[in-house]
Amino acid sequence: MQYAILYNSASGNTQQVAEALEQALANEGAEVTFVKIAHGGAADALAVSNAATADAVLVGFWCDKGSCTQDVTDVLAQLGSKRVFLFGTAGFGGAPEYFDRILTGVREKLPQDAEYLGGAMCQGKMGAGIRHRYEGMLAEHPGDERIQAMIDNFDAALAHPNDDDLSRIADAAKAALGL
């Protein structure tokens, strides 16, 4: 079987998941092509070309305002008639319902004739600038439980993606692909 892994990663979290998927599929004897979806669509032609010959396409994204980036949207739009598994990372969350909502929204960007095989997500670490912004917000609003929860989530996200996340997403992908 031939698979294409196309991914977009801003901080390295989604790339880490993509690499784990590549290894997991290779361990199953699959042929895997691996393409980063570049900002501005620079790799879109290469990504779509690799997807055209693949038995299934695994598309990875980082969560940008509750969805994927426009670069990923542009690639998804070109995956008509393909079998597609989605995977992603998000700084917020950990709750399956939150991840499901993101996956549902990204899935809707696929052409109607694409076959959605499933998806999986995990939390990913965020840049230090975000924590500094949260700390500034808390300094302006001392005791604000919502802002403190954002800081606590930031701290929890530092440990992700971890080995359990990578294994869980690889297992979900292998099951969806029938491996």
N, C-alpha and C. Protein backbone atom coordinates (compact mmCIF):
# COMPACT_ATOMS: atom_id res chain seq x y z
N MET A 1 0.84 -1.19 0.00
CA MET A 1 0.00 0.00 0.00
C MET A 1 0.88 1.24 0.00
N GLN A 2 0.37 2.27 -0.66
CA GLN A 2 1.08 3.54 -0.72
C GLN A 2 0.25 4.61 -0.03
N TYR A 3 0.91 5.35 0.84
CA TYR A 3 0.23 6.42 1.57
C TYR A 3 1.00 7.71 1.42
N ALA A 4 0.28 8.81 1.42
CA ALA A 4 0.90 10.13 1.42
C ALA A 4 0.55 10.79 2.74
N ILE A 5 1.56 11.32 3.39
CA ILE A 5 1.36 12.13 4.60
C ILE A 5 1.69 13.56 4.22
N LEU A 6 0.68 14.40 4.27
CA LEU A 6 0.81 15.82 3.97
C LEU A 6 0.51 16.56 5.26
N TYR A 7 1.39 17.45 5.67
CA TYR A 7 1.16 18.10 6.97
C TYR A 7 1.62 19.55 6.93
N ASN A 8 1.02 20.32 7.82
CA ASN A 8 1.35 21.72 8.02
C ASN A 8 1.66 21.87 9.50
N SER A 9 2.83 22.44 9.82
CA SER A 9 3.23 22.55 11.22
C SER A 9 3.89 23.90 11.45
N ALA A 10 3.42 24.60 12.45
CA ALA A 10 4.00 25.92 12.76
C ALA A 10 5.08 25.81 13.83
N SER A 11 4.84 24.97 14.84
CA SER A 11 5.77 24.91 15.97
C SER A 11 6.50 23.58 16.09
N GLY A 12 6.19 22.64 15.21
CA GLY A 12 6.82 21.34 15.25
C GLY A 12 5.96 20.24 15.84
N ASN A 13 4.85 20.59 16.49
CA ASN A 13 3.99 19.57 17.09
C ASN A 13 3.40 18.64 16.04
N THR A 14 2.80 19.23 15.01
CA THR A 14 2.17 18.40 13.98
C THR A 14 3.21 17.63 13.19
N GLN A 15 4.37 18.21 12.98
CA GLN A 15 5.45 17.49 12.31
C GLN A 15 5.84 16.26 13.13
N GLN A 16 5.91 16.41 14.43
CA GLN A 16 6.25 15.28 15.30
C GLN A 16 5.23 14.16 15.14
N VAL A 17 3.95 14.50 15.07
CA VAL A 17 2.92 13.49 14.87
C VAL A 17 3.06 12.86 13.49
N ALA A 18 3.29 13.69 12.47
CA ALA A 18 3.46 13.18 11.10
C ALA A 18 4.62 12.19 11.02
N GLU A 19 5.72 12.51 11.67
CA GLU A 19 6.88 11.62 11.66
C GLU A 19 6.56 10.30 12.36
N ALA A 20 5.80 10.36 13.45
CA ALA A 20 5.40 9.13 14.14
C ALA A 20 4.49 8.28 13.25
N LEU A 21 3.61 8.93 12.51
CA LEU A 21 2.74 8.21 11.58
C LEU A 21 3.55 7.57 10.46
N GLU A 22 4.50 8.32 9.93
CA GLU A 22 5.36 7.78 8.88
C GLU A 22 6.06 6.51 9.36
N GLN A 23 6.61 6.55 10.56
CA GLN A 23 7.31 5.39 11.12
C GLN A 23 6.35 4.23 11.36
N ALA A 24 5.18 4.52 11.90
CA ALA A 24 4.19 3.47 12.18
C ALA A 24 3.75 2.78 10.90
N LEU A 25 3.52 3.55 9.84
CA LEU A 25 3.09 2.96 8.57
C LEU A 25 4.23 2.18 7.93
N ALA A 26 5.44 2.72 7.99
CA ALA A 26 6.60 2.02 7.44
C ALA A 26 6.81 0.69 8.16
N ASN A 27 6.58 0.68 9.47
CA ASN A 27 6.71 -0.56 10.24
C ASN A 27 5.70 -1.62 9.81
N GLU A 28 4.60 -1.17 9.19
CA GLU A 28 3.59 -2.09 8.68
C GLU A 28 3.89 -2.51 7.24
N GLY A 29 5.02 -2.05 6.70
CA GLY A 29 5.42 -2.41 5.35
C GLY A 29 4.85 -1.50 4.27
N ALA A 30 4.28 -0.39 4.66
CA ALA A 30 3.69 0.53 3.70
C ALA A 30 4.75 1.43 3.08
N GLU A 31 4.47 1.86 1.87
CA GLU A 31 5.30 2.86 1.20
C GLU A 31 4.71 4.21 1.55
N VAL A 32 5.53 5.13 2.04
CA VAL A 32 5.01 6.41 2.52
C VAL A 32 5.77 7.56 1.87
N THR A 33 5.02 8.51 1.31
CA THR A 33 5.62 9.78 0.90
C THR A 33 5.24 10.81 1.93
N PHE A 34 6.10 11.76 2.13
CA PHE A 34 6.02 12.68 3.26
C PHE A 34 6.27 14.09 2.74
N VAL A 35 5.27 14.97 2.81
CA VAL A 35 5.40 16.31 2.26
C VAL A 35 4.86 17.34 3.24
N LYS A 36 5.66 18.36 3.51
CA LYS A 36 5.21 19.47 4.35
C LYS A 36 4.44 20.45 3.47
N ILE A 37 3.26 20.83 3.91
CA ILE A 37 2.47 21.84 3.23
C ILE A 37 3.01 23.19 3.67
N ALA A 38 3.64 23.88 2.77
CA ALA A 38 4.31 25.14 3.11
C ALA A 38 3.32 26.30 3.14
N HIS A 39 3.67 27.30 3.90
CA HIS A 39 2.87 28.52 3.95
C HIS A 39 2.87 29.17 2.57
N GLY A 40 1.71 29.58 2.15
CA GLY A 40 1.61 30.23 0.85
C GLY A 40 1.46 29.27 -0.31
N GLY A 41 1.31 27.97 0.01
CA GLY A 41 1.04 26.98 -1.02
C GLY A 41 2.25 26.54 -1.82
N ALA A 42 3.46 26.86 -1.40
CA ALA A 42 4.65 26.51 -2.16
C ALA A 42 4.76 25.01 -2.39
N ALA A 43 4.29 24.20 -1.48
CA ALA A 43 4.39 22.75 -1.64
C ALA A 43 3.08 22.12 -2.09
N ASP A 44 2.07 22.94 -2.34
CA ASP A 44 0.77 22.38 -2.69
C ASP A 44 0.83 21.47 -3.90
N ALA A 45 1.52 21.87 -4.95
CA ALA A 45 1.59 21.05 -6.16
C ALA A 45 2.25 19.71 -5.85
N LEU A 46 3.32 19.73 -5.08
CA LEU A 46 4.01 18.50 -4.69
C LEU A 46 3.10 17.65 -3.82
N ALA A 47 2.42 18.28 -2.88
CA ALA A 47 1.52 17.55 -1.98
C ALA A 47 0.41 16.87 -2.77
N VAL A 48 -0.21 17.59 -3.66
CA VAL A 48 -1.32 17.04 -4.44
C VAL A 48 -0.81 15.97 -5.39
N SER A 49 0.37 16.16 -5.96
CA SER A 49 0.96 15.16 -6.84
C SER A 49 1.20 13.84 -6.09
N ASN A 50 1.73 13.92 -4.90
CA ASN A 50 1.95 12.72 -4.09
C ASN A 50 0.63 12.08 -3.68
N ALA A 51 -0.37 12.88 -3.41
CA ALA A 51 -1.67 12.37 -3.01
C ALA A 51 -2.34 11.62 -4.17
N ALA A 52 -2.10 12.06 -5.39
CA ALA A 52 -2.77 11.48 -6.56
C ALA A 52 -2.49 10.00 -6.71
N THR A 53 -1.31 9.55 -6.37
CA THR A 53 -0.94 8.14 -6.57
C THR A 53 -1.09 7.31 -5.30
N ALA A 54 -1.46 7.93 -4.21
CA ALA A 54 -1.55 7.23 -2.93
C ALA A 54 -2.87 6.49 -2.79
N ASP A 55 -2.83 5.37 -2.07
CA ASP A 55 -4.05 4.63 -1.75
C ASP A 55 -4.89 5.38 -0.72
N ALA A 56 -4.24 6.15 0.12
CA ALA A 56 -4.91 7.00 1.10
C ALA A 56 -3.98 8.15 1.45
N VAL A 57 -4.58 9.24 1.91
CA VAL A 57 -3.83 10.44 2.24
C VAL A 57 -4.10 10.79 3.70
N LEU A 58 -3.03 11.01 4.44
CA LEU A 58 -3.15 11.44 5.83
C LEU A 58 -2.75 12.91 5.86
N VAL A 59 -3.66 13.76 6.31
CA VAL A 59 -3.43 15.20 6.28
C VAL A 59 -3.37 15.72 7.71
N GLY A 60 -2.24 16.36 8.03
CA GLY A 60 -2.03 16.89 9.37
C GLY A 60 -2.07 18.40 9.39
N PHE A 61 -2.60 18.94 10.47
CA PHE A 61 -2.74 20.39 10.60
C PHE A 61 -2.57 20.80 12.05
N TRP A 62 -2.20 22.05 12.24
CA TRP A 62 -2.22 22.63 13.58
C TRP A 62 -3.49 23.47 13.66
N CYS A 63 -4.06 23.52 14.82
CA CYS A 63 -5.32 24.21 15.01
C CYS A 63 -5.09 25.72 15.00
N ASP A 64 -5.69 26.37 14.05
CA ASP A 64 -5.60 27.82 13.87
C ASP A 64 -7.01 28.40 14.03
N LYS A 65 -7.26 28.99 15.19
CA LYS A 65 -8.56 29.59 15.48
C LYS A 65 -9.70 28.59 15.32
N GLY A 66 -9.48 27.37 15.80
CA GLY A 66 -10.53 26.35 15.79
C GLY A 66 -10.63 25.54 14.52
N SER A 67 -9.71 25.71 13.59
CA SER A 67 -9.75 24.99 12.32
C SER A 67 -8.32 24.74 11.85
N CYS A 68 -8.17 24.55 10.54
CA CYS A 68 -6.84 24.41 9.94
C CYS A 68 -6.50 25.70 9.21
N THR A 69 -5.28 25.81 8.76
CA THR A 69 -4.86 27.01 8.03
C THR A 69 -5.43 26.99 6.61
N GLN A 70 -5.38 28.13 5.96
CA GLN A 70 -5.83 28.22 4.57
C GLN A 70 -4.99 27.33 3.67
N ASP A 71 -3.71 27.18 3.98
CA ASP A 71 -2.83 26.32 3.18
C ASP A 71 -3.34 24.88 3.19
N VAL A 72 -3.77 24.39 4.34
CA VAL A 72 -4.32 23.04 4.43
C VAL A 72 -5.67 22.97 3.74
N THR A 73 -6.49 23.99 3.92
CA THR A 73 -7.79 24.04 3.24
C THR A 73 -7.61 23.91 1.74
N ASP A 74 -6.63 24.61 1.19
CA ASP A 74 -6.37 24.56 -0.25
C ASP A 74 -5.99 23.15 -0.71
N VAL A 75 -5.19 22.45 0.08
CA VAL A 75 -4.82 21.09 -0.26
C VAL A 75 -6.02 20.15 -0.13
N LEU A 76 -6.78 20.28 0.95
CA LEU A 76 -7.94 19.42 1.15
C LEU A 76 -8.91 19.54 -0.03
N ALA A 77 -9.08 20.73 -0.55
CA ALA A 77 -10.01 20.97 -1.66
C ALA A 77 -9.63 20.18 -2.91
N GLN A 78 -8.39 19.74 -2.98
CA GLN A 78 -7.91 19.02 -4.16
C GLN A 78 -7.87 17.50 -3.96
N LEU A 79 -8.47 17.03 -2.90
CA LEU A 79 -8.42 15.60 -2.60
C LEU A 79 -9.70 14.86 -2.95
N GLY A 80 -10.40 15.32 -3.96
CA GLY A 80 -11.60 14.65 -4.41
C GLY A 80 -11.31 13.20 -4.78
N SER A 81 -12.20 12.32 -4.43
CA SER A 81 -12.16 10.87 -4.68
C SER A 81 -11.05 10.15 -3.91
N LYS A 82 -10.37 10.83 -3.02
CA LYS A 82 -9.31 10.20 -2.23
C LYS A 82 -9.85 9.73 -0.88
N ARG A 83 -9.19 8.73 -0.32
CA ARG A 83 -9.45 8.27 1.04
C ARG A 83 -8.57 9.12 1.96
N VAL A 84 -9.17 9.77 2.97
CA VAL A 84 -8.44 10.76 3.76
C VAL A 84 -8.61 10.50 5.26
N PHE A 85 -7.47 10.52 5.96
CA PHE A 85 -7.44 10.48 7.42
C PHE A 85 -6.86 11.81 7.87
N LEU A 86 -7.51 12.48 8.81
CA LEU A 86 -7.05 13.76 9.33
C LEU A 86 -6.39 13.58 10.69
N PHE A 87 -5.34 14.35 10.92
CA PHE A 87 -4.73 14.37 12.25
C PHE A 87 -4.28 15.79 12.55
N GLY A 88 -4.31 16.15 13.82
CA GLY A 88 -3.94 17.51 14.15
C GLY A 88 -3.50 17.68 15.58
N THR A 89 -3.01 18.89 15.84
CA THR A 89 -2.61 19.28 17.19
C THR A 89 -3.26 20.61 17.52
N ALA A 90 -3.53 20.80 18.80
CA ALA A 90 -4.13 22.05 19.27
C ALA A 90 -3.55 22.39 20.63
N GLY A 91 -3.23 23.64 20.83
CA GLY A 91 -2.68 24.08 22.11
C GLY A 91 -3.68 23.95 23.24
N PHE A 92 -4.93 24.22 22.93
CA PHE A 92 -5.97 24.09 23.94
C PHE A 92 -6.55 22.71 23.87
N GLY A 93 -7.19 22.32 24.90
CA GLY A 93 -7.96 21.10 24.82
C GLY A 93 -7.40 19.95 25.60
N GLY A 94 -7.67 18.83 25.07
CA GLY A 94 -7.46 17.60 25.78
C GLY A 94 -8.79 16.89 25.85
N ALA A 95 -9.88 17.65 25.72
CA ALA A 95 -11.22 17.07 25.76
C ALA A 95 -11.57 16.50 24.39
N PRO A 96 -11.97 15.24 24.34
CA PRO A 96 -12.32 14.63 23.05
C PRO A 96 -13.40 15.42 22.29
N GLU A 97 -14.34 16.02 23.01
CA GLU A 97 -15.40 16.77 22.35
C GLU A 97 -14.83 17.98 21.60
N TYR A 98 -13.87 18.62 22.18
CA TYR A 98 -13.23 19.78 21.54
C TYR A 98 -12.51 19.33 20.27
N PHE A 99 -11.75 18.26 20.39
CA PHE A 99 -11.03 17.76 19.22
C PHE A 99 -12.00 17.30 18.13
N ASP A 100 -13.09 16.64 18.53
CA ASP A 100 -14.09 16.20 17.56
C ASP A 100 -14.70 17.38 16.81
N ARG A 101 -14.95 18.46 17.52
CA ARG A 101 -15.52 19.66 16.89
C ARG A 101 -14.54 20.23 15.85
N ILE A 102 -13.26 20.24 16.18
CA ILE A 102 -12.26 20.73 15.23
C ILE A 102 -12.20 19.81 14.02
N LEU A 103 -12.13 18.50 14.25
CA LEU A 103 -12.06 17.54 13.15
C LEU A 103 -13.29 17.63 12.24
N THR A 104 -14.45 17.82 12.83
CA THR A 104 -15.68 17.96 12.04
C THR A 104 -15.59 19.17 11.12
N GLY A 105 -15.11 20.29 11.65
CA GLY A 105 -14.98 21.49 10.84
C GLY A 105 -13.97 21.33 9.72
N VAL A 106 -12.85 20.68 10.00
CA VAL A 106 -11.83 20.47 8.97
C VAL A 106 -12.34 19.46 7.94
N ARG A 107 -13.02 18.44 8.39
CA ARG A 107 -13.59 17.44 7.48
C ARG A 107 -14.51 18.10 6.45
N GLU A 108 -15.25 19.10 6.87
CA GLU A 108 -16.18 19.78 5.97
C GLU A 108 -15.47 20.49 4.82
N LYS A 109 -14.18 20.64 4.91
CA LYS A 109 -13.40 21.28 3.85
C LYS A 109 -13.01 20.29 2.74
N LEU A 110 -13.25 19.01 2.97
CA LEU A 110 -12.98 17.99 1.96
C LEU A 110 -14.06 18.03 0.88
N PRO A 111 -13.70 17.72 -0.36
CA PRO A 111 -14.72 17.60 -1.41
C PRO A 111 -15.71 16.49 -1.04
N GLN A 112 -16.92 16.60 -1.53
CA GLN A 112 -17.96 15.63 -1.18
C GLN A 112 -17.62 14.21 -1.60
N ASP A 113 -16.82 14.06 -2.66
CA ASP A 113 -16.51 12.71 -3.12
C ASP A 113 -15.27 12.12 -2.45
N ALA A 114 -14.67 12.83 -1.53
CA ALA A 114 -13.56 12.27 -0.75
C ALA A 114 -14.16 11.34 0.31
N GLU A 115 -13.45 10.27 0.61
CA GLU A 115 -13.90 9.33 1.63
C GLU A 115 -13.16 9.63 2.93
N TYR A 116 -13.90 10.12 3.92
CA TYR A 116 -13.29 10.44 5.21
C TYR A 116 -13.15 9.16 6.01
N LEU A 117 -11.92 8.80 6.34
CA LEU A 117 -11.64 7.56 7.07
C LEU A 117 -11.67 7.74 8.58
N GLY A 118 -11.56 8.97 9.03
CA GLY A 118 -11.52 9.25 10.46
C GLY A 118 -10.44 10.25 10.76
N GLY A 119 -10.26 10.52 12.04
CA GLY A 119 -9.26 11.49 12.43
C GLY A 119 -8.91 11.36 13.89
N ALA A 120 -7.82 11.99 14.26
CA ALA A 120 -7.37 11.98 15.65
C ALA A 120 -6.56 13.24 15.91
N MET A 121 -6.63 13.71 17.13
CA MET A 121 -5.90 14.92 17.52
C MET A 121 -5.29 14.74 18.90
N CYS A 122 -4.35 15.62 19.19
CA CYS A 122 -3.79 15.68 20.53
C CYS A 122 -3.41 17.12 20.83
N GLN A 123 -3.13 17.35 22.08
CA GLN A 123 -2.68 18.66 22.50
C GLN A 123 -1.23 18.86 22.08
N GLY A 124 -0.84 20.10 21.88
CA GLY A 124 0.54 20.41 21.54
C GLY A 124 1.00 21.65 22.30
N LYS A 125 2.29 21.69 22.54
CA LYS A 125 2.84 22.84 23.28
C LYS A 125 2.71 24.12 22.46
N MET A 126 2.65 25.24 23.18
CA MET A 126 2.53 26.56 22.56
C MET A 126 3.79 27.37 22.84
N GLY A 127 3.99 28.41 22.09
CA GLY A 127 5.15 29.27 22.26
C GLY A 127 5.11 30.06 23.56
N ALA A 128 6.29 30.39 24.07
CA ALA A 128 6.41 31.11 25.35
C ALA A 128 5.70 32.46 25.32
N GLY A 129 5.63 33.09 24.17
CA GLY A 129 4.96 34.38 24.06
C GLY A 129 3.50 34.32 24.46
N ILE A 130 2.88 33.18 24.24
CA ILE A 130 1.47 33.04 24.61
C ILE A 130 1.32 33.06 26.12
N ARG A 131 2.22 32.37 26.81
CA ARG A 131 2.14 32.38 28.28
C ARG A 131 2.38 33.79 28.81
N HIS A 132 3.31 34.50 28.22
CA HIS A 132 3.56 35.88 28.66
C HIS A 132 2.33 36.75 28.46
N ARG A 133 1.63 36.53 27.36
CA ARG A 133 0.40 37.29 27.11
C ARG A 133 -0.64 36.96 28.17
N TYR A 134 -0.78 35.67 28.50
CA TYR A 134 -1.73 35.27 29.54
C TYR A 134 -1.36 35.87 30.89
N GLU A 135 -0.06 35.88 31.20
CA GLU A 135 0.39 36.45 32.47
C GLU A 135 0.05 37.94 32.52
N GLY A 136 0.22 38.64 31.41
CA GLY A 136 -0.15 40.05 31.34
C GLY A 136 -1.64 40.26 31.56
N MET A 137 -2.44 39.38 30.98
CA MET A 137 -3.89 39.46 31.18
C MET A 137 -4.24 39.24 32.64
N LEU A 138 -3.57 38.27 33.28
CA LEU A 138 -3.84 37.98 34.69
C LEU A 138 -3.40 39.14 35.57
N ALA A 139 -2.32 39.80 35.20
CA ALA A 139 -1.87 40.97 35.97
C ALA A 139 -2.91 42.09 35.90
N GLU A 140 -3.57 42.21 34.78
CA GLU A 140 -4.62 43.23 34.62
C GLU A 140 -5.91 42.83 35.33
N HIS A 141 -6.13 41.51 35.45
CA HIS A 141 -7.36 41.00 36.06
C HIS A 141 -7.01 39.93 37.09
N PRO A 142 -6.39 40.34 38.22
CA PRO A 142 -5.97 39.37 39.23
C PRO A 142 -7.14 38.51 39.71
N GLY A 143 -6.84 37.22 39.86
CA GLY A 143 -7.87 36.31 40.37
C GLY A 143 -8.85 35.82 39.32
N ASP A 144 -8.72 36.24 38.07
CA ASP A 144 -9.64 35.80 37.02
C ASP A 144 -9.41 34.31 36.77
N GLU A 145 -10.40 33.50 37.12
CA GLU A 145 -10.26 32.04 37.01
C GLU A 145 -10.12 31.58 35.57
N ARG A 146 -10.76 32.24 34.65
CA ARG A 146 -10.68 31.86 33.24
C ARG A 146 -9.26 32.05 32.72
N ILE A 147 -8.64 33.17 33.07
CA ILE A 147 -7.26 33.42 32.63
C ILE A 147 -6.30 32.46 33.32
N GLN A 148 -6.53 32.19 34.60
CA GLN A 148 -5.68 31.22 35.30
C GLN A 148 -5.80 29.84 34.65
N ALA A 149 -7.01 29.48 34.24
CA ALA A 149 -7.21 28.19 33.55
C ALA A 149 -6.44 28.16 32.23
N MET A 150 -6.35 29.29 31.55
CA MET A 150 -5.58 29.36 30.31
C MET A 150 -4.10 29.13 30.58
N ILE A 151 -3.60 29.70 31.66
CA ILE A 151 -2.20 29.50 32.05
C ILE A 151 -1.96 28.04 32.44
N ASP A 152 -2.89 27.46 33.19
CA ASP A 152 -2.76 26.06 33.59
C ASP A 152 -2.77 25.15 32.35
N ASN A 153 -3.62 25.46 31.38
CA ASN A 153 -3.67 24.68 30.14
C ASN A 153 -2.34 24.82 29.39
N PHE A 154 -1.81 26.03 29.34
CA PHE A 154 -0.52 26.25 28.68
C PHE A 154 0.53 25.34 29.30
N ASP A 155 0.58 25.33 30.62
CA ASP A 155 1.58 24.52 31.32
C ASP A 155 1.38 23.03 31.06
N ALA A 156 0.13 22.58 31.03
CA ALA A 156 -0.15 21.17 30.75
C ALA A 156 0.24 20.80 29.32
N ALA A 157 0.08 21.73 28.40
CA ALA A 157 0.38 21.47 26.99
C ALA A 157 1.87 21.29 26.74
N LEU A 158 2.71 21.77 27.63
CA LEU A 158 4.16 21.67 27.43
C LEU A 158 4.64 20.22 27.30
N ALA A 159 3.89 19.30 27.84
CA ALA A 159 4.27 17.89 27.80
C ALA A 159 3.76 17.16 26.55
N HIS A 160 3.18 17.89 25.61
CA HIS A 160 2.54 17.26 24.44
C HIS A 160 3.11 17.80 23.15
N PRO A 161 3.06 17.00 22.09
CA PRO A 161 2.61 15.61 22.06
C PRO A 161 3.61 14.70 22.76
N ASN A 162 3.07 13.76 23.51
CA ASN A 162 3.93 12.81 24.21
C ASN A 162 3.81 11.43 23.54
N ASP A 163 4.52 10.45 24.07
CA ASP A 163 4.51 9.11 23.47
C ASP A 163 3.11 8.51 23.42
N ASP A 164 2.31 8.74 24.46
CA ASP A 164 0.93 8.22 24.45
C ASP A 164 0.12 8.86 23.33
N ASP A 165 0.27 10.19 23.14
CA ASP A 165 -0.44 10.88 22.06
C ASP A 165 -0.06 10.29 20.71
N LEU A 166 1.25 10.13 20.50
CA LEU A 166 1.75 9.63 19.22
C LEU A 166 1.26 8.21 18.96
N SER A 167 1.30 7.39 19.96
CA SER A 167 0.84 6.01 19.83
C SER A 167 -0.66 5.95 19.55
N ARG A 168 -1.43 6.75 20.26
CA ARG A 168 -2.89 6.77 20.08
C ARG A 168 -3.27 7.20 18.67
N ILE A 169 -2.61 8.24 18.16
CA ILE A 169 -2.92 8.72 16.82
C ILE A 169 -2.46 7.70 15.77
N ALA A 170 -1.30 7.11 15.96
CA ALA A 170 -0.83 6.07 15.02
C ALA A 170 -1.78 4.88 15.01
N ASP A 171 -2.24 4.46 16.18
CA ASP A 171 -3.18 3.34 16.25
C ASP A 171 -4.50 3.69 15.56
N ALA A 172 -4.97 4.91 15.74
CA ALA A 172 -6.22 5.34 15.08
C ALA A 172 -6.05 5.34 13.57
N ALA A 173 -4.91 5.81 13.10
CA ALA A 173 -4.65 5.85 11.66
C ALA A 173 -4.56 4.44 11.09
N LYS A 174 -3.82 3.57 11.76
CA LYS A 174 -3.68 2.19 11.28
C LYS A 174 -5.04 1.50 11.24
N ALA A 175 -5.86 1.70 12.25
CA ALA A 175 -7.19 1.10 12.26
C ALA A 175 -8.05 1.64 11.11
N ALA A 176 -7.99 2.94 10.89
CA ALA A 176 -8.77 3.55 9.82
C ALA A 176 -8.32 3.06 8.44
N LEU A 177 -7.03 2.77 8.31
CA LEU A 177 -6.48 2.29 7.05
C LEU A 177 -6.57 0.77 6.90
N GLY A 178 -7.03 0.10 7.94
CA GLY A 178 -7.16 -1.35 7.89
C GLY A 178 -5.84 -2.09 8.05
N LEU A 179 -4.91 -1.50 8.78
CA LEU A 179 -3.60 -2.14 8.97
C LEU A 179 -3.52 -2.83 10.33
